Amino acid sequence: MILDEAYLLLRAAGRASNHAAFSTDYLGHSPRYYDYLRCSGAAPNLTALLKLAMKLTDLAHETTAELDESAAGKLAKRIMSQALKRCR
């Protein structure tokens, strides 16, 4: 799941310390939303995908050494693409 990639990237960069922080800060949902998606196999909703893509895009534009900017930018584009496919 693409959310797993995003979580691992953010966790490695020290931006999301756990699933609850990722769910609330990057997906805009309750602390257990990411866990629910992983356990149920459900797809994330459009709002969560868009919020995550925007946050990753913002991070890609920062000039911090702790986050691989190109990885964040590429992941943001893949997530946005996935979100746009849902709009069709």
PDB file of N, CA and C in Angstrom:
ATOM      1  N   MET A   1       0.858  -1.180   0.000  1.00  0.00           N
ATOM      2  CA  MET A   1       0.000   0.000   0.000  1.00  0.00           C
ATOM      3  C   MET A   1       0.902   1.240   0.000  1.00  0.00           C
ATOM      4  N   ILE A   2       0.516   2.219  -0.767  1.00  0.00           N
ATOM      5  CA  ILE A   2       1.315   3.432  -0.914  1.00  0.00           C
ATOM      6  C   ILE A   2       1.425   4.195   0.404  1.00  0.00           C
ATOM      7  N   LEU A   3       0.420   4.037   1.265  1.00  0.00           N
ATOM      8  CA  LEU A   3       0.486   4.699   2.566  1.00  0.00           C
ATOM      9  C   LEU A   3       1.616   4.133   3.411  1.00  0.00           C
ATOM     10  N   ASP A   4       1.901   2.856   3.256  1.00  0.00           N
ATOM     11  CA  ASP A   4       3.015   2.253   3.992  1.00  0.00           C
ATOM     12  C   ASP A   4       4.335   2.904   3.592  1.00  0.00           C
ATOM     13  N   GLU A   5       4.498   3.146   2.303  1.00  0.00           N
ATOM     14  CA  GLU A   5       5.709   3.817   1.822  1.00  0.00           C
ATOM     15  C   GLU A   5       5.837   5.214   2.419  1.00  0.00           C
ATOM     16  N   ALA A   6       4.718   5.934   2.440  1.00  0.00           N
ATOM     17  CA  ALA A   6       4.727   7.292   2.985  1.00  0.00           C
ATOM     18  C   ALA A   6       5.048   7.265   4.478  1.00  0.00           C
ATOM     19  N   TYR A   7       4.421   6.348   5.196  1.00  0.00           N
ATOM     20  CA  TYR A   7       4.674   6.252   6.635  1.00  0.00           C
ATOM     21  C   TYR A   7       6.147   5.956   6.906  1.00  0.00           C
ATOM     22  N   LEU A   8       6.711   4.993   6.198  1.00  0.00           N
ATOM     23  CA  LEU A   8       8.113   4.634   6.418  1.00  0.00           C
ATOM     24  C   LEU A   8       9.053   5.794   6.087  1.00  0.00           C
ATOM     25  N   LEU A   9       8.758   6.522   5.024  1.00  0.00           N
ATOM     26  CA  LEU A   9       9.562   7.681   4.646  1.00  0.00           C
ATOM     27  C   LEU A   9       9.513   8.742   5.744  1.00  0.00           C
ATOM     28  N   LEU A  10       8.304   9.040   6.205  1.00  0.00           N
ATOM     29  CA  LEU A  10       8.135  10.075   7.232  1.00  0.00           C
ATOM     30  C   LEU A  10       8.719   9.639   8.573  1.00  0.00           C
ATOM     31  N   ARG A  11       8.573   8.375   8.887  1.00  0.00           N
ATOM     32  CA  ARG A  11       9.133   7.861  10.137  1.00  0.00           C
ATOM     33  C   ARG A  11      10.663   7.924  10.108  1.00  0.00           C
ATOM     34  N   ALA A  12      11.258   7.531   8.996  1.00  0.00           N
ATOM     35  CA  ALA A  12      12.716   7.576   8.865  1.00  0.00           C
ATOM     36  C   ALA A  12      13.244   9.011   8.981  1.00  0.00           C
ATOM     37  N   ALA A  13      12.436   9.957   8.549  1.00  0.00           N
ATOM     38  CA  ALA A  13      12.826  11.366   8.607  1.00  0.00           C
ATOM     39  C   ALA A  13      12.502  11.995   9.952  1.00  0.00           C
ATOM     40  N   GLY A  14      11.897  11.231  10.852  1.00  0.00           N
ATOM     41  CA  GLY A  14      11.546  11.767  12.159  1.00  0.00           C
ATOM     42  C   GLY A  14      10.317  12.650  12.147  1.00  0.00           C
ATOM     43  N   ARG A  15       9.494  12.521  11.117  1.00  0.00           N
ATOM     44  CA  ARG A  15       8.303  13.369  10.975  1.00  0.00           C
ATOM     45  C   ARG A  15       7.032  12.722  11.516  1.00  0.00           C
ATOM     46  N   ALA A  16       6.998  11.403  11.559  1.00  0.00           N
ATOM     47  CA  ALA A  16       5.832  10.675  12.092  1.00  0.00           C
ATOM     48  C   ALA A  16       6.368   9.593  13.021  1.00  0.00           C
ATOM     49  N   SER A  17       6.188   9.787  14.298  1.00  0.00           N
ATOM     50  CA  SER A  17       6.784   8.883  15.276  1.00  0.00           C
ATOM     51  C   SER A  17       6.044   7.558  15.411  1.00  0.00           C
ATOM     52  N   ASN A  18       4.764   7.551  15.022  1.00  0.00           N
ATOM     53  CA  ASN A  18       3.971   6.323  15.134  1.00  0.00           C
ATOM     54  C   ASN A  18       2.753   6.406  14.211  1.00  0.00           C
ATOM     55  N   HIS A  19       1.990   5.320  14.177  1.00  0.00           N
ATOM     56  CA  HIS A  19       0.810   5.275  13.294  1.00  0.00           C
ATOM     57  C   HIS A  19      -0.211   6.351  13.653  1.00  0.00           C
ATOM     58  N   ALA A  20      -0.391   6.598  14.937  1.00  0.00           N
ATOM     59  CA  ALA A  20      -1.380   7.588  15.363  1.00  0.00           C
ATOM     60  C   ALA A  20      -1.014   8.982  14.864  1.00  0.00           C
ATOM     61  N   ALA A  21       0.258   9.337  14.980  1.00  0.00           N
ATOM     62  CA  ALA A  21       0.702  10.654  14.503  1.00  0.00           C
ATOM     63  C   ALA A  21       0.542  10.754  12.987  1.00  0.00           C
ATOM     64  N   PHE A  22       0.871   9.685  12.279  1.00  0.00           N
ATOM     65  CA  PHE A  22       0.709   9.667  10.827  1.00  0.00           C
ATOM     66  C   PHE A  22      -0.761   9.850  10.452  1.00  0.00           C
ATOM     67  N   SER A  23      -1.637   9.152  11.135  1.00  0.00           N
ATOM     68  CA  SER A  23      -3.074   9.235  10.852  1.00  0.00           C
ATOM     69  C   SER A  23      -3.617  10.645  11.047  1.00  0.00           C
ATOM     70  N   THR A  24      -3.239  11.262  12.155  1.00  0.00           N
ATOM     71  CA  THR A  24      -3.788  12.587  12.450  1.00  0.00           C
ATOM     72  C   THR A  24      -3.087  13.702  11.695  1.00  0.00           C
ATOM     73  N   ASP A  25      -1.753  13.669  11.663  1.00  0.00           N
ATOM     74  CA  ASP A  25      -0.989  14.774  11.073  1.00  0.00           C
ATOM     75  C   ASP A  25      -0.922  14.750   9.553  1.00  0.00           C
ATOM     76  N   TYR A  26      -0.924  13.565   8.969  1.00  0.00           N
ATOM     77  CA  TYR A  26      -0.723  13.460   7.522  1.00  0.00           C
ATOM     78  C   TYR A  26      -1.938  12.972   6.743  1.00  0.00           C
ATOM     79  N   LEU A  27      -2.839  12.269   7.424  1.00  0.00           N
ATOM     80  CA  LEU A  27      -4.040  11.782   6.739  1.00  0.00           C
ATOM     81  C   LEU A  27      -5.289  12.556   7.145  1.00  0.00           C
ATOM     82  N   GLY A  28      -5.196  13.288   8.243  1.00  0.00           N
ATOM     83  CA  GLY A  28      -6.314  14.114   8.687  1.00  0.00           C
ATOM     84  C   GLY A  28      -7.475  13.334   9.271  1.00  0.00           C
ATOM     85  N   HIS A  29      -7.163  12.217   9.886  1.00  0.00           N
ATOM     86  CA  HIS A  29      -8.215  11.370  10.464  1.00  0.00           C
ATOM     87  C   HIS A  29      -7.887  11.021  11.910  1.00  0.00           C
ATOM     88  N   SER A  30      -8.692  10.155  12.476  1.00  0.00           N
ATOM     89  CA  SER A  30      -8.496   9.738  13.863  1.00  0.00           C
ATOM     90  C   SER A  30      -7.177   8.992  14.014  1.00  0.00           C
ATOM     91  N   PRO A  31      -6.674   8.877  15.233  1.00  0.00           N
ATOM     92  CA  PRO A  31      -5.382   8.225  15.452  1.00  0.00           C
ATOM     93  C   PRO A  31      -5.296   6.772  14.971  1.00  0.00           C
ATOM     94  N   ARG A  32      -6.401   6.097  14.834  1.00  0.00           N
ATOM     95  CA  ARG A  32      -6.372   4.690  14.432  1.00  0.00           C
ATOM     96  C   ARG A  32      -6.759   4.459  12.964  1.00  0.00           C
ATOM     97  N   TYR A  33      -6.895   5.523  12.195  1.00  0.00           N
ATOM     98  CA  TYR A  33      -7.319   5.395  10.804  1.00  0.00           C
ATOM     99  C   TYR A  33      -6.343   4.565   9.970  1.00  0.00           C
ATOM    100  N   TYR A  34      -5.053   4.840  10.086  1.00  0.00           N
ATOM    101  CA  TYR A  34      -4.051   4.089   9.331  1.00  0.00           C
ATOM    102  C   TYR A  34      -4.074   2.612   9.730  1.00  0.00           C
ATOM    103  N   ASP A  35      -4.207   2.341  11.010  1.00  0.00           N
ATOM    104  CA  ASP A  35      -4.303   0.949  11.467  1.00  0.00           C
ATOM    105  C   ASP A  35      -5.534   0.263  10.878  1.00  0.00           C
ATOM    106  N   TYR A  36      -6.653   0.985  10.856  1.00  0.00           N
ATOM    107  CA  TYR A  36      -7.883   0.444  10.272  1.00  0.00           C
ATOM    108  C   TYR A  36      -7.658   0.075   8.797  1.00  0.00           C
ATOM    109  N   LEU A  37      -7.040   0.967   8.040  1.00  0.00           N
ATOM    110  CA  LEU A  37      -6.788   0.702   6.618  1.00  0.00           C
ATOM    111  C   LEU A  37      -5.898  -0.522   6.433  1.00  0.00           C
ATOM    112  N   ARG A  38      -4.874  -0.624   7.243  1.00  0.00           N
ATOM    113  CA  ARG A  38      -3.952  -1.757   7.122  1.00  0.00           C
ATOM    114  C   ARG A  38      -4.629  -3.074   7.471  1.00  0.00           C
ATOM    115  N   CYS A  39      -5.432  -3.073   8.518  1.00  0.00           N
ATOM    116  CA  CYS A  39      -6.078  -4.318   8.956  1.00  0.00           C
ATOM    117  C   CYS A  39      -7.224  -4.739   8.044  1.00  0.00           C
ATOM    118  N   SER A  40      -7.974  -3.784   7.556  1.00  0.00           N
ATOM    119  CA  SER A  40      -9.160  -4.102   6.763  1.00  0.00           C
ATOM    120  C   SER A  40      -8.859  -4.260   5.274  1.00  0.00           C
ATOM    121  N   GLY A  41      -7.764  -3.687   4.834  1.00  0.00           N
ATOM    122  CA  GLY A  41      -7.457  -3.705   3.412  1.00  0.00           C
ATOM    123  C   GLY A  41      -8.246  -2.667   2.628  1.00  0.00           C
ATOM    124  N   ALA A  42      -8.956  -1.800   3.348  1.00  0.00           N
ATOM    125  CA  ALA A  42      -9.742  -0.747   2.702  1.00  0.00           C
ATOM    126  C   ALA A  42      -8.811   0.287   2.069  1.00  0.00           C
ATOM    127  N   ALA A  43      -9.310   0.933   1.045  1.00  0.00           N
ATOM    128  CA  ALA A  43      -8.555   2.003   0.388  1.00  0.00           C
ATOM    129  C   ALA A  43      -8.737   3.303   1.165  1.00  0.00           C
ATOM    130  N   PRO A  44      -7.708   4.125   1.242  1.00  0.00           N
ATOM    131  CA  PRO A  44      -7.857   5.419   1.910  1.00  0.00           C
ATOM    132  C   PRO A  44      -8.820   6.309   1.131  1.00  0.00           C
ATOM    133  N   ASN A  45      -9.514   7.165   1.858  1.00  0.00           N
ATOM    134  CA  ASN A  45     -10.452   8.037   1.147  1.00  0.00           C
ATOM    135  C   ASN A  45      -9.704   9.147   0.411  1.00  0.00           C
ATOM    136  N   LEU A  46     -10.400   9.788  -0.481  1.00  0.00           N
ATOM    137  CA  LEU A  46      -9.811  10.800  -1.349  1.00  0.00           C
ATOM    138  C   LEU A  46      -9.203  11.947  -0.541  1.00  0.00           C
ATOM    139  N   THR A  47      -9.889  12.387   0.491  1.00  0.00           N
ATOM    140  CA  THR A  47      -9.390  13.482   1.316  1.00  0.00           C
ATOM    141  C   THR A  47      -8.048  13.137   1.943  1.00  0.00           C
ATOM    142  N   ALA A  48      -7.920  11.918   2.450  1.00  0.00           N
ATOM    143  CA  ALA A  48      -6.666  11.488   3.073  1.00  0.00           C
ATOM    144  C   ALA A  48      -5.531  11.471   2.051  1.00  0.00           C
ATOM    145  N   LEU A  49      -5.796  10.978   0.858  1.00  0.00           N
ATOM    146  CA  LEU A  49      -4.768  10.947  -0.186  1.00  0.00           C
ATOM    147  C   LEU A  49      -4.318  12.353  -0.573  1.00  0.00           C
ATOM    148  N   LEU A  50      -5.284  13.244  -0.747  1.00  0.00           N
ATOM    149  CA  LEU A  50      -4.945  14.612  -1.144  1.00  0.00           C
ATOM    150  C   LEU A  50      -4.152  15.328  -0.062  1.00  0.00           C
ATOM    151  N   LYS A  51      -4.571  15.156   1.183  1.00  0.00           N
ATOM    152  CA  LYS A  51      -3.859  15.800   2.285  1.00  0.00           C
ATOM    153  C   LYS A  51      -2.425  15.281   2.369  1.00  0.00           C
ATOM    154  N   LEU A  52      -2.252  13.972   2.257  1.00  0.00           N
ATOM    155  CA  LEU A  52      -0.917  13.391   2.308  1.00  0.00           C
ATOM    156  C   LEU A  52      -0.054  13.885   1.155  1.00  0.00           C
ATOM    157  N   ALA A  53      -0.601  13.924  -0.045  1.00  0.00           N
ATOM    158  CA  ALA A  53       0.156  14.408  -1.202  1.00  0.00           C
ATOM    159  C   ALA A  53       0.598  15.856  -1.004  1.00  0.00           C
ATOM    160  N   MET A  54      -0.280  16.685  -0.470  1.00  0.00           N
ATOM    161  CA  MET A  54       0.074  18.086  -0.236  1.00  0.00           C
ATOM    162  C   MET A  54       1.163  18.213   0.825  1.00  0.00           C
ATOM    163  N   LYS A  55       1.053  17.435   1.885  1.00  0.00           N
ATOM    164  CA  LYS A  55       2.066  17.484   2.949  1.00  0.00           C
ATOM    165  C   LYS A  55       3.424  17.016   2.429  1.00  0.00           C
ATOM    166  N   LEU A  56       3.434  15.950   1.640  1.00  0.00           N
ATOM    167  CA  LEU A  56       4.692  15.461   1.079  1.00  0.00           C
ATOM    168  C   LEU A  56       5.293  16.462   0.100  1.00  0.00           C
ATOM    169  N   THR A  57       4.451  17.129  -0.668  1.00  0.00           N
ATOM    170  CA  THR A  57       4.930  18.163  -1.587  1.00  0.00           C
ATOM    171  C   THR A  57       5.579  19.297  -0.802  1.00  0.00           C
ATOM    172  N   ASP A  58       4.944  19.708   0.282  1.00  0.00           N
ATOM    173  CA  ASP A  58       5.527  20.749   1.135  1.00  0.00           C
ATOM    174  C   ASP A  58       6.888  20.310   1.675  1.00  0.00           C
ATOM    175  N   LEU A  59       6.960  19.072   2.136  1.00  0.00           N
ATOM    176  CA  LEU A  59       8.219  18.567   2.670  1.00  0.00           C
ATOM    177  C   LEU A  59       9.307  18.501   1.599  1.00  0.00           C
ATOM    178  N   ALA A  60       8.917  18.157   0.391  1.00  0.00           N
ATOM    179  CA  ALA A  60       9.884  18.081  -0.705  1.00  0.00           C
ATOM    180  C   ALA A  60      10.486  19.437  -1.015  1.00  0.00           C
ATOM    181  N   HIS A  61       9.740  20.498  -0.737  1.00  0.00           N
ATOM    182  CA  HIS A  61      10.236  21.841  -1.021  1.00  0.00           C
ATOM    183  C   HIS A  61      11.063  22.432   0.121  1.00  0.00           C
ATOM    184  N   GLU A  62      11.049  21.788   1.259  1.00  0.00           N
ATOM    185  CA  GLU A  62      11.876  22.258   2.368  1.00  0.00           C
ATOM    186  C   GLU A  62      13.340  21.967   2.055  1.00  0.00           C
ATOM    187  N   THR A  63      14.200  22.657   2.709  1.00  0.00           N
ATOM    188  CA  THR A  63      15.628  22.456   2.463  1.00  0.00           C
ATOM    189  C   THR A  63      16.301  21.773   3.650  1.00  0.00           C
ATOM    190  N   THR A  64      15.599  20.837   4.275  1.00  0.00           N
ATOM    191  CA  THR A  64      16.194  20.126   5.398  1.00  0.00           C
ATOM    192  C   THR A  64      16.943  18.906   4.895  1.00  0.00           C
ATOM    193  N   ALA A  65      17.998  18.569   5.596  1.00  0.00           N
ATOM    194  CA  ALA A  65      18.807  17.420   5.213  1.00  0.00           C
ATOM    195  C   ALA A  65      18.209  16.110   5.709  1.00  0.00           C
ATOM    196  N   GLU A  66      17.196  16.178   6.573  1.00  0.00           N
ATOM    197  CA  GLU A  66      16.669  14.950   7.164  1.00  0.00           C
ATOM    198  C   GLU A  66      15.669  14.211   6.282  1.00  0.00           C
ATOM    199  N   LEU A  67      15.232  14.804   5.215  1.00  0.00           N
ATOM    200  CA  LEU A  67      14.265  14.151   4.343  1.00  0.00           C
ATOM    201  C   LEU A  67      14.784  14.169   2.912  1.00  0.00           C
ATOM    202  N   ASP A  68      14.761  13.009   2.275  1.00  0.00           N
ATOM    203  CA  ASP A  68      15.187  12.931   0.879  1.00  0.00           C
ATOM    204  C   ASP A  68      14.130  13.637   0.042  1.00  0.00           C
ATOM    205  N   GLU A  69      14.442  14.837  -0.405  1.00  0.00           N
ATOM    206  CA  GLU A  69      13.462  15.662  -1.108  1.00  0.00           C
ATOM    207  C   GLU A  69      12.921  14.986  -2.355  1.00  0.00           C
ATOM    208  N   SER A  70      13.775  14.364  -3.116  1.00  0.00           N
ATOM    209  CA  SER A  70      13.297  13.744  -4.340  1.00  0.00           C
ATOM    210  C   SER A  70      12.364  12.572  -4.033  1.00  0.00           C
ATOM    211  N   ALA A  71      12.641  11.827  -2.996  1.00  0.00           N
ATOM    212  CA  ALA A  71      11.773  10.702  -2.622  1.00  0.00           C
ATOM    213  C   ALA A  71      10.399  11.215  -2.197  1.00  0.00           C
ATOM    214  N   ALA A  72      10.366  12.277  -1.422  1.00  0.00           N
ATOM    215  CA  ALA A  72       9.094  12.847  -0.986  1.00  0.00           C
ATOM    216  C   ALA A  72       8.309  13.388  -2.175  1.00  0.00           C
ATOM    217  N   GLY A  73       8.995  14.061  -3.080  1.00  0.00           N
ATOM    218  CA  GLY A  73       8.328  14.614  -4.252  1.00  0.00           C
ATOM    219  C   GLY A  73       7.772  13.542  -5.167  1.00  0.00           C
ATOM    220  N   LYS A  74       8.563  12.491  -5.401  1.00  0.00           N
ATOM    221  CA  LYS A  74       8.103  11.392  -6.254  1.00  0.00           C
ATOM    222  C   LYS A  74       6.923  10.669  -5.636  1.00  0.00           C
ATOM    223  N   LEU A  75       6.979  10.464  -4.329  1.00  0.00           N
ATOM    224  CA  LEU A  75       5.882   9.795  -3.645  1.00  0.00           C
ATOM    225  C   LEU A  75       4.626  10.656  -3.673  1.00  0.00           C
ATOM    226  N   ALA A  76       4.782  11.952  -3.501  1.00  0.00           N
ATOM    227  CA  ALA A  76       3.643  12.866  -3.566  1.00  0.00           C
ATOM    228  C   ALA A  76       2.959  12.786  -4.934  1.00  0.00           C
ATOM    229  N   LYS A  77       3.750  12.714  -5.989  1.00  0.00           N
ATOM    230  CA  LYS A  77       3.185  12.614  -7.345  1.00  0.00           C
ATOM    231  C   LYS A  77       2.427  11.302  -7.533  1.00  0.00           C
ATOM    232  N   ARG A  78       2.977  10.215  -7.014  1.00  0.00           N
ATOM    233  CA  ARG A  78       2.289   8.918  -7.129  1.00  0.00           C
ATOM    234  C   ARG A  78       0.973   8.911  -6.354  1.00  0.00           C
ATOM    235  N   ILE A  79       0.979   9.520  -5.180  1.00  0.00           N
ATOM    236  CA  ILE A  79      -0.242   9.579  -4.371  1.00  0.00           C
ATOM    237  C   ILE A  79      -1.280  10.457  -5.060  1.00  0.00           C
ATOM    238  N   MET A  80      -0.851  11.594  -5.597  1.00  0.00           N
ATOM    239  CA  MET A  80      -1.783  12.477  -6.310  1.00  0.00           C
ATOM    240  C   MET A  80      -2.365  11.770  -7.525  1.00  0.00           C
ATOM    241  N   SER A  81      -1.554  11.021  -8.221  1.00  0.00           N
ATOM    242  CA  SER A  81      -2.038  10.256  -9.374  1.00  0.00           C
ATOM    243  C   SER A  81      -3.105   9.260  -8.952  1.00  0.00           C
ATOM    244  N   GLN A  82      -2.863   8.590  -7.843  1.00  0.00           N
ATOM    245  CA  GLN A  82      -3.839   7.639  -7.329  1.00  0.00           C
ATOM    246  C   GLN A  82      -5.141   8.338  -6.955  1.00  0.00           C
ATOM    247  N   ALA A  83      -5.029   9.517  -6.363  1.00  0.00           N
ATOM    248  CA  ALA A  83      -6.220  10.281  -5.989  1.00  0.00           C
ATOM    249  C   ALA A  83      -7.000  10.720  -7.223  1.00  0.00           C
ATOM    250  N   LEU A  84      -6.299  11.178  -8.249  1.00  0.00           N
ATOM    251  CA  LEU A  84      -6.958  11.629  -9.464  1.00  0.00           C
ATOM    252  C   LEU A  84      -7.693  10.493 -10.191  1.00  0.00           C
ATOM    253  N   LYS A  85      -7.144   9.285 -10.125  1.00  0.00           N
ATOM    254  CA  LYS A  85      -7.816   8.138 -10.735  1.00  0.00           C
ATOM    255  C   LYS A  85      -9.164   7.881 -10.093  1.00  0.00           C
ATOM    256  N   ARG A  86      -9.298   8.205  -8.841  1.00  0.00           N
ATOM    257  CA  ARG A  86     -10.572   8.005  -8.137  1.00  0.00           C
ATOM    258  C   ARG A  86     -11.632   9.013  -8.572  1.00  0.00           C
ATOM    259  N   CYS A  87     -11.183  10.139  -9.081  1.00  0.00           N
ATOM    260  CA  CYS A  87     -12.120  11.191  -9.485  1.00  0.00           C
ATOM    261  C   CYS A  87     -12.768  10.909 -10.838  1.00  0.00           C
ATOM    262  N   ARG A  88     -12.263   9.954 -11.555  1.00  0.00           N
ATOM    263  CA  ARG A  88     -12.779   9.668 -12.904  1.00  0.00           C
ATOM    264  C   ARG A  88     -14.050   8.892 -12.852  1.00  0.00           C
TER     265      ARG A  88
END
